Amino acid sequence: MIRRLLYGTVYATAGVLHFLHESSFRKIMPPQLPFKKEIVYVTGVMEIFFGLYMLLKKPGKWFKTLLKLFLVAVFPANVYMALKKIDLRGKQLPTPLLWARLPLQWFLIKETDKL
């Protein structure tokens, strides 16, 4: 239950941030992707959905599968951000922190099974 509350809050907050700081999220997307603004909004809605769902219900298999697929789908943005050392809202994160986010994504995928 505590894990669901924690992750639910984190995902919902991250989703809201997609709308508040849309341009920052657009910057971390690989240049080959079209419709960056739309993708940021769609992924924001998805994260809000994931977060609220975790806060309200114990996720089932379909939810966990969808969340894992989502985490895999957004992984290239994290790689691109680390490779290009992209700043967030004018703040340059330390390079080791940018690279540390990559294994964190796989940790989150494994954590999904524990929700």
C-alpha atoms as a PDB file:
ATOM      1  CA  MET A   1       0.000   0.000   0.000  1.00  0.00           C
ATOM      2  CA  ILE A   2       2.802   2.445   0.888  1.00  0.00           C
ATOM      3  CA  ARG A   3       4.599   1.607  -2.361  1.00  0.00           C
ATOM      4  CA  ARG A   4       1.411   2.357  -4.317  1.00  0.00           C
ATOM      5  CA  LEU A   5       0.947   5.682  -2.526  1.00  0.00           C
ATOM      6  CA  LEU A   6       4.552   6.664  -3.162  1.00  0.00           C
ATOM      7  CA  TYR A   7       4.627   5.672  -6.826  1.00  0.00           C
ATOM      8  CA  GLY A   8       1.109   6.937  -7.438  1.00  0.00           C
ATOM      9  CA  THR A   9       2.079  10.365  -6.150  1.00  0.00           C
ATOM     10  CA  VAL A  10       5.336  10.385  -8.125  1.00  0.00           C
ATOM     11  CA  TYR A  11       3.676   9.387 -11.414  1.00  0.00           C
ATOM     12  CA  ALA A  12       0.745  11.790 -11.022  1.00  0.00           C
ATOM     13  CA  THR A  13       3.106  14.653 -10.173  1.00  0.00           C
ATOM     14  CA  ALA A  14       5.356  13.825 -13.126  1.00  0.00           C
ATOM     15  CA  GLY A  15       2.309  13.828 -15.375  1.00  0.00           C
ATOM     16  CA  VAL A  16       1.237  17.275 -14.200  1.00  0.00           C
ATOM     17  CA  LEU A  17       4.784  18.538 -14.787  1.00  0.00           C
ATOM     18  CA  HIS A  18       4.421  17.556 -18.460  1.00  0.00           C
ATOM     19  CA  PHE A  19       1.815  20.314 -18.738  1.00  0.00           C
ATOM     20  CA  LEU A  20       3.563  22.880 -16.552  1.00  0.00           C
ATOM     21  CA  HIS A  21       6.977  22.470 -18.215  1.00  0.00           C
ATOM     22  CA  GLU A  22       6.098  21.065 -21.617  1.00  0.00           C
ATOM     23  CA  SER A  23       9.071  22.683 -23.370  1.00  0.00           C
ATOM     24  CA  SER A  24      11.534  20.993 -20.988  1.00  0.00           C
ATOM     25  CA  PHE A  25      10.077  17.581 -21.777  1.00  0.00           C
ATOM     26  CA  ARG A  26      10.176  18.361 -25.506  1.00  0.00           C
ATOM     27  CA  LYS A  27      13.910  19.107 -25.283  1.00  0.00           C
ATOM     28  CA  ILE A  28      14.774  15.628 -24.014  1.00  0.00           C
ATOM     29  CA  MET A  29      13.099  13.869 -26.929  1.00  0.00           C
ATOM     30  CA  PRO A  30      15.290  12.548 -29.751  1.00  0.00           C
ATOM     31  CA  PRO A  31      15.102  14.849 -32.791  1.00  0.00           C
ATOM     32  CA  GLN A  32      13.781  12.083 -35.059  1.00  0.00           C
ATOM     33  CA  LEU A  33      10.451  12.035 -33.236  1.00  0.00           C
ATOM     34  CA  PRO A  34       7.656  14.057 -34.817  1.00  0.00           C
ATOM     35  CA  PHE A  35       4.785  15.668 -32.893  1.00  0.00           C
ATOM     36  CA  LYS A  36       6.902  16.314 -29.802  1.00  0.00           C
ATOM     37  CA  LYS A  37       4.409  18.623 -28.105  1.00  0.00           C
ATOM     38  CA  GLU A  38       1.582  16.147 -28.606  1.00  0.00           C
ATOM     39  CA  ILE A  39       3.719  13.276 -27.315  1.00  0.00           C
ATOM     40  CA  VAL A  40       4.570  15.272 -24.187  1.00  0.00           C
ATOM     41  CA  TYR A  41       0.880  15.897 -23.518  1.00  0.00           C
ATOM     42  CA  VAL A  42      -0.135  12.286 -24.180  1.00  0.00           C
ATOM     43  CA  THR A  43       2.611  10.915 -21.928  1.00  0.00           C
ATOM     44  CA  GLY A  44       1.611  13.464 -19.288  1.00  0.00           C
ATOM     45  CA  VAL A  45      -1.992  12.246 -19.386  1.00  0.00           C
ATOM     46  CA  MET A  46      -0.764   8.665 -19.203  1.00  0.00           C
ATOM     47  CA  GLU A  47       1.398   9.371 -16.150  1.00  0.00           C
ATOM     48  CA  ILE A  48      -1.481  11.141 -14.424  1.00  0.00           C
ATOM     49  CA  PHE A  49      -3.673   8.129 -15.197  1.00  0.00           C
ATOM     50  CA  PHE A  50      -1.055   5.698 -13.877  1.00  0.00           C
ATOM     51  CA  GLY A  51      -0.588   7.750 -10.734  1.00  0.00           C
ATOM     52  CA  LEU A  52      -4.275   8.190  -9.950  1.00  0.00           C
ATOM     53  CA  TYR A  53      -5.015   4.554 -10.685  1.00  0.00           C
ATOM     54  CA  MET A  54      -2.293   3.444  -8.254  1.00  0.00           C
ATOM     55  CA  LEU A  55      -3.678   5.780  -5.612  1.00  0.00           C
ATOM     56  CA  LEU A  56      -7.228   4.489  -6.031  1.00  0.00           C
ATOM     57  CA  LYS A  57      -6.896   0.777  -6.841  1.00  0.00           C
ATOM     58  CA  LYS A  58      -4.556  -2.141  -6.523  1.00  0.00           C
ATOM     59  CA  PRO A  59      -3.223  -2.566 -10.056  1.00  0.00           C
ATOM     60  CA  GLY A  60      -3.896  -5.783 -11.919  1.00  0.00           C
ATOM     61  CA  LYS A  61      -1.878  -7.545 -14.579  1.00  0.00           C
ATOM     62  CA  TRP A  62      -3.129  -5.391 -17.482  1.00  0.00           C
ATOM     63  CA  PHE A  63      -2.139  -2.200 -15.652  1.00  0.00           C
ATOM     64  CA  LYS A  64       1.312  -3.502 -14.777  1.00  0.00           C
ATOM     65  CA  THR A  65       1.919  -4.576 -18.371  1.00  0.00           C
ATOM     66  CA  LEU A  66       0.811  -1.185 -19.702  1.00  0.00           C
ATOM     67  CA  LEU A  67       3.021   0.660 -17.203  1.00  0.00           C
ATOM     68  CA  LYS A  68       6.038  -1.471 -18.123  1.00  0.00           C
ATOM     69  CA  LEU A  69       5.472  -0.803 -21.824  1.00  0.00           C
ATOM     70  CA  PHE A  70       5.194   2.910 -21.085  1.00  0.00           C
ATOM     71  CA  LEU A  71       8.481   2.898 -19.159  1.00  0.00           C
ATOM     72  CA  VAL A  72      10.217   1.125 -22.036  1.00  0.00           C
ATOM     73  CA  ALA A  73       8.704   3.570 -24.549  1.00  0.00           C
ATOM     74  CA  VAL A  74       9.998   6.670 -22.745  1.00  0.00           C
ATOM     75  CA  PHE A  75      13.460   5.186 -22.127  1.00  0.00           C
ATOM     76  CA  PRO A  76      14.972   6.665 -25.339  1.00  0.00           C
ATOM     77  CA  ALA A  77      14.272  10.171 -24.005  1.00  0.00           C
ATOM     78  CA  ASN A  78      16.353   9.394 -20.914  1.00  0.00           C
ATOM     79  CA  VAL A  79      19.185   8.038 -23.070  1.00  0.00           C
ATOM     80  CA  TYR A  80      19.057  11.096 -25.329  1.00  0.00           C
ATOM     81  CA  MET A  81      19.087  13.410 -22.321  1.00  0.00           C
ATOM     82  CA  ALA A  82      22.186  11.681 -20.912  1.00  0.00           C
ATOM     83  CA  LEU A  83      24.021  11.601 -24.247  1.00  0.00           C
ATOM     84  CA  LYS A  84      23.360  15.262 -25.029  1.00  0.00           C
ATOM     85  CA  LYS A  85      23.611  16.491 -21.407  1.00  0.00           C
ATOM     86  CA  ILE A  86      20.350  18.378 -21.782  1.00  0.00           C
ATOM     87  CA  ASP A  87      19.542  20.802 -18.998  1.00  0.00           C
ATOM     88  CA  LEU A  88      16.220  20.934 -17.200  1.00  0.00           C
ATOM     89  CA  ARG A  89      14.700  24.399 -17.044  1.00  0.00           C
ATOM     90  CA  GLY A  90      18.131  26.002 -17.293  1.00  0.00           C
ATOM     91  CA  LYS A  91      19.788  23.729 -14.720  1.00  0.00           C
ATOM     92  CA  GLN A  92      22.495  21.355 -15.886  1.00  0.00           C
ATOM     93  CA  LEU A  93      22.275  18.110 -13.955  1.00  0.00           C
ATOM     94  CA  PRO A  94      25.571  16.373 -13.143  1.00  0.00           C
ATOM     95  CA  THR A  95      26.488  13.887 -15.868  1.00  0.00           C
ATOM     96  CA  PRO A  96      26.609  10.912 -13.443  1.00  0.00           C
ATOM     97  CA  LEU A  97      23.047  11.723 -12.369  1.00  0.00           C
ATOM     98  CA  LEU A  98      21.865  11.764 -15.981  1.00  0.00           C
ATOM     99  CA  TRP A  99      23.389   8.320 -16.530  1.00  0.00           C
ATOM    100  CA  ALA A 100      22.072   7.019 -13.192  1.00  0.00           C
ATOM    101  CA  ARG A 101      18.536   7.605 -14.449  1.00  0.00           C
ATOM    102  CA  LEU A 102      18.968   4.831 -17.007  1.00  0.00           C
ATOM    103  CA  PRO A 103      19.207   1.875 -14.603  1.00  0.00           C
ATOM    104  CA  LEU A 104      16.555   3.593 -12.471  1.00  0.00           C
ATOM    105  CA  GLN A 105      14.107   3.074 -15.337  1.00  0.00           C
ATOM    106  CA  TRP A 106      14.705  -0.690 -15.235  1.00  0.00           C
ATOM    107  CA  PHE A 107      14.347  -0.621 -11.444  1.00  0.00           C
ATOM    108  CA  LEU A 108      10.935   1.021 -11.884  1.00  0.00           C
ATOM    109  CA  ILE A 109       9.947  -1.694 -14.349  1.00  0.00           C
ATOM    110  CA  LYS A 110      10.837  -4.375 -11.789  1.00  0.00           C
ATOM    111  CA  GLU A 111       9.036  -2.448  -9.038  1.00  0.00           C
ATOM    112  CA  THR A 112       5.852  -2.522 -11.098  1.00  0.00           C
ATOM    113  CA  ASP A 113       5.433  -6.201 -10.215  1.00  0.00           C
ATOM    114  CA  LYS A 114       5.308  -5.269  -6.515  1.00  0.00           C
ATOM    115  CA  LEU A 115       2.412  -2.825  -6.785  1.00  0.00           C
END
